[in-house]
Amino acid sequence: MTRELLGEVVALAHQAGFICLATANAEGMPHITAAGSLERGAQGELLIKEWFCPGTVANLQTNSAVAVAVWDLRRDVGYQLLGHVDRIEDLAVTDGYAPQVESKHVLPQVEKQLVIHVEKILDFTLAPHCDVPAEAAAD
């Protein structure tokens, strides 16, 4: 996988405005969440920042495998990134709880950053496609 291809993925995520992250628990039960921030790290890894729900974090504590989808529906152009989370970093913690102001729904209390080692990048489109790595499909 090339740095240029990772750059294209990050640029597309910025244009689309969100990404989808799939995790699974130890028994393989899948869970999908959306996130708004995808960046490249210094060592070539990808960084996803979000106030992840507790289910996502619990899954990653027992199963580090992830799939990330970056997709522009209008142009039907996208990528699926397969890999694993190397580490989870806490970035911010909410400062208390005000029941009179906040909704009655349980909200995530910690903003986290996932540091992801990408092993494979596949095309992701509505159009018929095969699961050939994006670099090989471009050749």
N, C-alpha and C. Protein backbone atom coordinates (compact mmCIF):
# COMPACT_ATOMS: atom_id res chain seq x y z
N MET A 1 0.85 -1.18 0.00
CA MET A 1 0.00 0.00 0.00
C MET A 1 0.89 1.23 0.00
N THR A 2 0.52 2.21 -0.81
CA THR A 2 1.37 3.38 -0.96
C THR A 2 0.88 4.54 -0.10
N ARG A 3 1.80 5.44 0.19
CA ARG A 3 1.45 6.66 0.94
C ARG A 3 0.46 7.50 0.14
N GLU A 4 0.62 7.47 -1.20
CA GLU A 4 -0.28 8.25 -2.07
C GLU A 4 -1.71 7.75 -1.94
N LEU A 5 -1.88 6.43 -1.92
CA LEU A 5 -3.22 5.86 -1.79
C LEU A 5 -3.83 6.22 -0.44
N LEU A 6 -3.04 6.15 0.63
CA LEU A 6 -3.56 6.57 1.95
C LEU A 6 -3.95 8.04 1.93
N GLY A 7 -3.17 8.86 1.23
CA GLY A 7 -3.51 10.27 1.09
C GLY A 7 -4.83 10.47 0.38
N GLU A 8 -5.09 9.67 -0.66
CA GLU A 8 -6.37 9.74 -1.38
C GLU A 8 -7.53 9.37 -0.47
N VAL A 9 -7.32 8.34 0.35
CA VAL A 9 -8.37 7.90 1.28
C VAL A 9 -8.71 9.01 2.27
N VAL A 10 -7.68 9.62 2.85
CA VAL A 10 -7.89 10.70 3.83
C VAL A 10 -8.57 11.90 3.16
N ALA A 11 -8.15 12.24 1.96
CA ALA A 11 -8.77 13.36 1.24
C ALA A 11 -10.24 13.08 0.97
N LEU A 12 -10.56 11.86 0.57
CA LEU A 12 -11.96 11.49 0.33
C LEU A 12 -12.77 11.56 1.62
N ALA A 13 -12.18 11.14 2.73
CA ALA A 13 -12.89 11.21 4.02
C ALA A 13 -13.19 12.66 4.37
N HIS A 14 -12.28 13.57 4.09
CA HIS A 14 -12.52 14.99 4.37
C HIS A 14 -13.65 15.52 3.50
N GLN A 15 -13.70 15.09 2.24
CA GLN A 15 -14.77 15.53 1.34
C GLN A 15 -16.12 14.96 1.76
N ALA A 16 -16.14 13.68 2.12
CA ALA A 16 -17.39 13.01 2.50
C ALA A 16 -17.92 13.51 3.83
N GLY A 17 -17.02 13.86 4.75
CA GLY A 17 -17.43 14.40 6.04
C GLY A 17 -17.64 13.37 7.13
N PHE A 18 -17.61 12.09 6.78
CA PHE A 18 -17.75 11.05 7.80
C PHE A 18 -17.18 9.75 7.25
N ILE A 19 -16.94 8.83 8.15
CA ILE A 19 -16.51 7.48 7.78
C ILE A 19 -17.32 6.50 8.62
N CYS A 20 -17.33 5.25 8.22
CA CYS A 20 -17.95 4.19 9.01
C CYS A 20 -16.87 3.24 9.48
N LEU A 21 -17.00 2.83 10.73
CA LEU A 21 -16.04 1.93 11.35
C LEU A 21 -16.78 0.69 11.82
N ALA A 22 -16.31 -0.48 11.39
CA ALA A 22 -16.91 -1.75 11.81
C ALA A 22 -15.95 -2.47 12.75
N THR A 23 -16.50 -2.92 13.86
CA THR A 23 -15.77 -3.74 14.83
C THR A 23 -16.59 -4.99 15.09
N ALA A 24 -16.03 -5.93 15.83
CA ALA A 24 -16.77 -7.12 16.25
C ALA A 24 -16.28 -7.52 17.63
N ASN A 25 -17.19 -8.10 18.41
CA ASN A 25 -16.78 -8.54 19.74
C ASN A 25 -16.04 -9.87 19.64
N ALA A 26 -15.68 -10.44 20.76
CA ALA A 26 -14.91 -11.68 20.78
C ALA A 26 -15.66 -12.85 20.14
N GLU A 27 -16.99 -12.80 20.15
CA GLU A 27 -17.79 -13.86 19.54
C GLU A 27 -18.08 -13.60 18.07
N GLY A 28 -17.63 -12.45 17.56
CA GLY A 28 -17.82 -12.13 16.15
C GLY A 28 -19.07 -11.31 15.84
N MET A 29 -19.82 -10.88 16.87
CA MET A 29 -21.00 -10.05 16.64
C MET A 29 -20.55 -8.67 16.16
N PRO A 30 -20.97 -8.26 14.94
CA PRO A 30 -20.49 -6.98 14.39
C PRO A 30 -21.20 -5.77 14.98
N HIS A 31 -20.53 -4.63 14.85
CA HIS A 31 -21.06 -3.34 15.31
C HIS A 31 -20.49 -2.27 14.38
N ILE A 32 -21.35 -1.37 13.90
CA ILE A 32 -20.90 -0.30 13.00
C ILE A 32 -21.17 1.04 13.67
N THR A 33 -20.22 1.95 13.54
CA THR A 33 -20.37 3.30 14.06
C THR A 33 -19.85 4.30 13.03
N ALA A 34 -20.28 5.52 13.15
CA ALA A 34 -19.80 6.59 12.26
C ALA A 34 -18.81 7.45 13.03
N ALA A 35 -17.87 8.03 12.31
CA ALA A 35 -16.90 8.95 12.89
C ALA A 35 -16.67 10.08 11.90
N GLY A 36 -16.21 11.21 12.42
CA GLY A 36 -16.03 12.37 11.56
C GLY A 36 -14.60 12.73 11.24
N SER A 37 -13.64 12.09 11.87
CA SER A 37 -12.26 12.52 11.71
C SER A 37 -11.37 11.35 11.31
N LEU A 38 -10.70 11.48 10.15
CA LEU A 38 -9.72 10.49 9.71
C LEU A 38 -8.48 11.24 9.25
N GLU A 39 -7.34 10.91 9.84
CA GLU A 39 -6.07 11.56 9.51
C GLU A 39 -4.99 10.50 9.37
N ARG A 40 -3.90 10.89 8.76
CA ARG A 40 -2.73 10.03 8.67
C ARG A 40 -1.80 10.32 9.83
N GLY A 41 -1.25 9.26 10.44
CA GLY A 41 -0.30 9.43 11.52
C GLY A 41 1.12 9.52 10.99
N ALA A 42 2.04 9.82 11.86
CA ALA A 42 3.45 10.02 11.50
C ALA A 42 4.11 8.74 10.97
N GLN A 43 3.67 7.60 11.45
CA GLN A 43 4.29 6.33 11.06
C GLN A 43 3.50 5.60 9.96
N GLY A 44 2.59 6.31 9.27
CA GLY A 44 1.82 5.70 8.19
C GLY A 44 0.52 5.07 8.64
N GLU A 45 0.24 5.11 9.93
CA GLU A 45 -1.02 4.57 10.43
C GLU A 45 -2.13 5.60 10.20
N LEU A 46 -3.36 5.17 10.40
CA LEU A 46 -4.50 6.09 10.32
C LEU A 46 -5.00 6.38 11.72
N LEU A 47 -5.49 7.59 11.92
CA LEU A 47 -6.00 8.04 13.21
C LEU A 47 -7.46 8.41 13.06
N ILE A 48 -8.30 7.83 13.89
CA ILE A 48 -9.72 8.17 13.91
C ILE A 48 -10.04 8.72 15.29
N LYS A 49 -10.59 9.94 15.32
CA LYS A 49 -10.97 10.57 16.59
C LYS A 49 -12.49 10.67 16.65
N GLU A 50 -13.05 10.31 17.82
CA GLU A 50 -14.50 10.39 17.98
C GLU A 50 -14.85 10.12 19.44
N TRP A 51 -16.07 10.48 19.79
CA TRP A 51 -16.65 10.11 21.08
C TRP A 51 -17.33 8.76 20.86
N PHE A 52 -16.54 7.69 20.82
CA PHE A 52 -17.05 6.37 20.48
C PHE A 52 -17.98 5.85 21.56
N CYS A 53 -19.01 5.12 21.12
CA CYS A 53 -19.93 4.50 22.09
C CYS A 53 -19.20 3.39 22.83
N PRO A 54 -19.68 3.05 24.01
CA PRO A 54 -19.01 2.02 24.82
C PRO A 54 -18.90 0.68 24.10
N GLY A 55 -19.87 0.33 23.24
CA GLY A 55 -19.82 -0.94 22.52
C GLY A 55 -18.62 -1.03 21.59
N THR A 56 -18.30 0.05 20.91
CA THR A 56 -17.14 0.07 20.02
C THR A 56 -15.86 -0.17 20.82
N VAL A 57 -15.72 0.55 21.92
CA VAL A 57 -14.51 0.43 22.75
C VAL A 57 -14.40 -0.97 23.35
N ALA A 58 -15.52 -1.51 23.84
CA ALA A 58 -15.50 -2.87 24.41
C ALA A 58 -15.08 -3.89 23.36
N ASN A 59 -15.60 -3.75 22.14
CA ASN A 59 -15.21 -4.68 21.07
C ASN A 59 -13.71 -4.64 20.84
N LEU A 60 -13.16 -3.43 20.77
CA LEU A 60 -11.73 -3.28 20.45
C LEU A 60 -10.83 -3.80 21.56
N GLN A 61 -11.34 -3.89 22.78
CA GLN A 61 -10.54 -4.42 23.88
C GLN A 61 -10.37 -5.93 23.79
N THR A 62 -11.26 -6.60 23.03
CA THR A 62 -11.16 -8.05 22.90
C THR A 62 -10.87 -8.50 21.47
N ASN A 63 -11.04 -7.60 20.49
CA ASN A 63 -10.84 -7.93 19.08
C ASN A 63 -10.40 -6.66 18.36
N SER A 64 -9.13 -6.59 18.02
CA SER A 64 -8.59 -5.36 17.45
C SER A 64 -8.84 -5.20 15.95
N ALA A 65 -9.44 -6.21 15.30
CA ALA A 65 -9.69 -6.14 13.86
C ALA A 65 -10.77 -5.09 13.55
N VAL A 66 -10.53 -4.30 12.50
CA VAL A 66 -11.48 -3.26 12.10
C VAL A 66 -11.58 -3.20 10.57
N ALA A 67 -12.71 -2.66 10.13
CA ALA A 67 -12.90 -2.27 8.73
C ALA A 67 -13.38 -0.84 8.75
N VAL A 68 -12.80 -0.01 7.90
CA VAL A 68 -13.18 1.40 7.80
C VAL A 68 -13.67 1.64 6.38
N ALA A 69 -14.85 2.23 6.24
CA ALA A 69 -15.38 2.56 4.92
C ALA A 69 -15.38 4.06 4.73
N VAL A 70 -14.80 4.49 3.61
CA VAL A 70 -14.78 5.90 3.21
C VAL A 70 -15.43 5.91 1.84
N TRP A 71 -16.55 6.68 1.69
CA TRP A 71 -17.32 6.55 0.45
C TRP A 71 -18.02 7.85 0.10
N ASP A 72 -17.92 8.22 -1.15
CA ASP A 72 -18.65 9.36 -1.71
C ASP A 72 -19.79 8.79 -2.53
N LEU A 73 -21.00 8.81 -1.99
CA LEU A 73 -22.17 8.24 -2.65
C LEU A 73 -22.45 8.91 -4.00
N ARG A 74 -22.33 10.23 -4.05
CA ARG A 74 -22.66 10.98 -5.27
C ARG A 74 -21.83 10.49 -6.46
N ARG A 75 -20.54 10.28 -6.24
CA ARG A 75 -19.65 9.83 -7.32
C ARG A 75 -19.46 8.31 -7.32
N ASP A 76 -19.97 7.63 -6.31
CA ASP A 76 -19.78 6.19 -6.11
C ASP A 76 -18.31 5.82 -6.19
N VAL A 77 -17.53 6.50 -5.36
CA VAL A 77 -16.09 6.26 -5.23
C VAL A 77 -15.81 6.05 -3.75
N GLY A 78 -15.07 5.01 -3.44
CA GLY A 78 -14.74 4.80 -2.04
C GLY A 78 -13.72 3.71 -1.83
N TYR A 79 -13.36 3.55 -0.56
CA TYR A 79 -12.36 2.58 -0.15
C TYR A 79 -12.82 1.88 1.13
N GLN A 80 -12.42 0.62 1.26
CA GLN A 80 -12.58 -0.12 2.50
C GLN A 80 -11.17 -0.45 2.99
N LEU A 81 -10.89 -0.05 4.21
CA LEU A 81 -9.56 -0.29 4.79
C LEU A 81 -9.69 -1.39 5.84
N LEU A 82 -8.87 -2.40 5.73
CA LEU A 82 -8.89 -3.52 6.66
C LEU A 82 -7.59 -3.51 7.45
N GLY A 83 -7.71 -3.71 8.75
CA GLY A 83 -6.51 -3.72 9.59
C GLY A 83 -6.86 -4.00 11.03
N HIS A 84 -6.03 -3.47 11.91
CA HIS A 84 -6.28 -3.65 13.35
C HIS A 84 -5.85 -2.39 14.10
N VAL A 85 -6.45 -2.21 15.26
CA VAL A 85 -6.15 -1.07 16.12
C VAL A 85 -4.90 -1.40 16.94
N ASP A 86 -3.88 -0.58 16.78
CA ASP A 86 -2.65 -0.76 17.55
C ASP A 86 -2.82 -0.28 18.98
N ARG A 87 -3.53 0.86 19.14
CA ARG A 87 -3.77 1.37 20.49
C ARG A 87 -4.95 2.35 20.47
N ILE A 88 -5.51 2.55 21.65
CA ILE A 88 -6.61 3.50 21.87
C ILE A 88 -6.10 4.55 22.84
N GLU A 89 -6.21 5.82 22.44
CA GLU A 89 -5.74 6.91 23.28
C GLU A 89 -6.92 7.76 23.74
N ASP A 90 -6.96 8.10 25.02
CA ASP A 90 -7.97 9.03 25.53
C ASP A 90 -7.54 10.45 25.22
N LEU A 91 -8.46 11.25 24.66
CA LEU A 91 -8.14 12.63 24.30
C LEU A 91 -8.83 13.65 25.20
N ALA A 92 -10.08 13.38 25.57
CA ALA A 92 -10.83 14.33 26.39
C ALA A 92 -11.88 13.57 27.19
N VAL A 93 -12.23 14.12 28.32
CA VAL A 93 -13.25 13.55 29.20
C VAL A 93 -14.27 14.63 29.49
N THR A 94 -15.56 14.28 29.46
CA THR A 94 -16.57 15.29 29.77
C THR A 94 -16.41 15.75 31.21
N ASP A 95 -16.80 16.97 31.46
CA ASP A 95 -16.63 17.60 32.76
C ASP A 95 -17.95 17.57 33.52
N GLY A 96 -18.28 16.40 34.03
CA GLY A 96 -19.50 16.29 34.81
C GLY A 96 -20.72 15.97 33.97
N TYR A 97 -21.86 15.87 34.65
CA TYR A 97 -23.12 15.53 33.99
C TYR A 97 -24.20 16.44 34.57
N ALA A 98 -24.94 17.09 33.69
CA ALA A 98 -26.02 17.99 34.12
C ALA A 98 -27.34 17.45 33.58
N PRO A 99 -28.07 16.64 34.36
CA PRO A 99 -29.30 16.01 33.86
C PRO A 99 -30.35 17.02 33.39
N GLN A 100 -30.38 18.21 33.96
CA GLN A 100 -31.36 19.20 33.55
C GLN A 100 -31.05 19.77 32.16
N VAL A 101 -29.80 19.63 31.70
CA VAL A 101 -29.38 20.16 30.41
C VAL A 101 -29.24 19.06 29.37
N GLU A 102 -28.69 17.94 29.76
CA GLU A 102 -28.41 16.86 28.83
C GLU A 102 -29.63 15.96 28.66
N SER A 103 -29.64 15.25 27.53
CA SER A 103 -30.75 14.35 27.25
C SER A 103 -30.75 13.18 28.23
N LYS A 104 -31.80 12.43 28.20
CA LYS A 104 -31.92 11.25 29.07
C LYS A 104 -31.17 10.05 28.51
N HIS A 105 -30.64 10.17 27.27
CA HIS A 105 -29.90 9.07 26.65
C HIS A 105 -28.48 9.02 27.20
N VAL A 106 -27.96 7.83 27.31
CA VAL A 106 -26.58 7.65 27.75
C VAL A 106 -25.65 8.12 26.63
N LEU A 107 -24.70 8.97 26.95
CA LEU A 107 -23.76 9.51 25.97
C LEU A 107 -22.35 9.07 26.29
N PRO A 108 -21.51 8.90 25.26
CA PRO A 108 -20.10 8.59 25.54
C PRO A 108 -19.47 9.69 26.39
N GLN A 109 -18.60 9.32 27.29
CA GLN A 109 -18.00 10.26 28.21
C GLN A 109 -16.53 10.57 27.91
N VAL A 110 -15.92 9.83 26.97
CA VAL A 110 -14.51 10.01 26.66
C VAL A 110 -14.31 10.08 25.15
N GLU A 111 -13.62 11.13 24.70
CA GLU A 111 -13.22 11.20 23.30
C GLU A 111 -11.95 10.38 23.15
N LYS A 112 -11.93 9.53 22.14
CA LYS A 112 -10.80 8.63 21.96
C LYS A 112 -10.22 8.78 20.56
N GLN A 113 -8.97 8.38 20.44
CA GLN A 113 -8.31 8.30 19.14
C GLN A 113 -7.87 6.86 18.93
N LEU A 114 -8.29 6.28 17.81
CA LEU A 114 -7.86 4.94 17.44
C LEU A 114 -6.66 5.07 16.52
N VAL A 115 -5.61 4.35 16.82
CA VAL A 115 -4.42 4.30 15.97
C VAL A 115 -4.49 2.97 15.24
N ILE A 116 -4.70 3.05 13.91
CA ILE A 116 -5.00 1.86 13.12
C ILE A 116 -3.86 1.55 12.15
N HIS A 117 -3.42 0.31 12.19
CA HIS A 117 -2.46 -0.21 11.21
C HIS A 117 -3.28 -0.81 10.07
N VAL A 118 -3.18 -0.22 8.89
CA VAL A 118 -3.94 -0.67 7.72
C VAL A 118 -3.14 -1.76 7.02
N GLU A 119 -3.78 -2.90 6.81
CA GLU A 119 -3.13 -4.02 6.14
C GLU A 119 -3.52 -4.13 4.68
N LYS A 120 -4.74 -3.69 4.35
CA LYS A 120 -5.23 -3.83 2.99
C LYS A 120 -6.23 -2.72 2.70
N ILE A 121 -6.20 -2.19 1.47
CA ILE A 121 -7.17 -1.21 1.02
C ILE A 121 -7.87 -1.77 -0.21
N LEU A 122 -9.21 -1.86 -0.13
CA LEU A 122 -10.03 -2.37 -1.22
C LEU A 122 -10.92 -1.24 -1.75
N ASP A 123 -11.37 -1.37 -3.00
CA ASP A 123 -12.37 -0.44 -3.51
C ASP A 123 -13.67 -0.66 -2.77
N PHE A 124 -14.49 0.39 -2.65
CA PHE A 124 -15.79 0.32 -1.98
C PHE A 124 -16.76 1.13 -2.82
N THR A 125 -17.64 0.46 -3.55
CA THR A 125 -18.61 1.15 -4.42
C THR A 125 -19.91 0.37 -4.45
N LEU A 126 -20.97 1.02 -4.97
CA LEU A 126 -22.22 0.31 -5.26
C LEU A 126 -22.07 -0.51 -6.53
N ALA A 127 -21.27 -0.02 -7.46
CA ALA A 127 -21.05 -0.73 -8.72
C ALA A 127 -20.40 -2.08 -8.45
N PRO A 128 -20.61 -3.04 -9.32
CA PRO A 128 -19.97 -4.34 -9.13
C PRO A 128 -18.46 -4.18 -9.02
N HIS A 129 -17.89 -4.87 -8.05
CA HIS A 129 -16.44 -4.81 -7.83
C HIS A 129 -16.00 -6.10 -7.15
N CYS A 130 -14.71 -6.34 -7.15
CA CYS A 130 -14.18 -7.52 -6.47
C CYS A 130 -13.25 -7.05 -5.36
N ASP A 131 -12.93 -7.94 -4.47
CA ASP A 131 -12.10 -7.58 -3.32
C ASP A 131 -10.62 -7.72 -3.63
N VAL A 132 -10.20 -7.05 -4.69
CA VAL A 132 -8.79 -6.99 -5.05
C VAL A 132 -8.24 -5.72 -4.43
N PRO A 133 -7.06 -5.77 -3.80
CA PRO A 133 -6.49 -4.53 -3.24
C PRO A 133 -6.51 -3.41 -4.27
N ALA A 134 -6.84 -2.21 -3.83
CA ALA A 134 -7.01 -1.05 -4.71
C ALA A 134 -5.77 -0.79 -5.56
N GLU A 135 -4.58 -1.01 -5.02
CA GLU A 135 -3.36 -0.79 -5.79
C GLU A 135 -3.27 -1.76 -6.96
N ALA A 136 -3.64 -3.04 -6.74
CA ALA A 136 -3.58 -4.03 -7.80
C ALA A 136 -4.64 -3.76 -8.86
N ALA A 137 -5.81 -3.26 -8.44
CA ALA A 137 -6.89 -2.96 -9.39
C ALA A 137 -6.51 -1.81 -10.30
N ALA A 138 -5.65 -0.89 -9.84
CA ALA A 138 -5.25 0.27 -10.64
C ALA A 138 -4.21 -0.11 -11.69
N ASP A 139 -3.51 -1.24 -11.49
CA ASP A 139 -2.46 -1.65 -12.44
C ASP A 139 -3.04 -2.16 -13.74
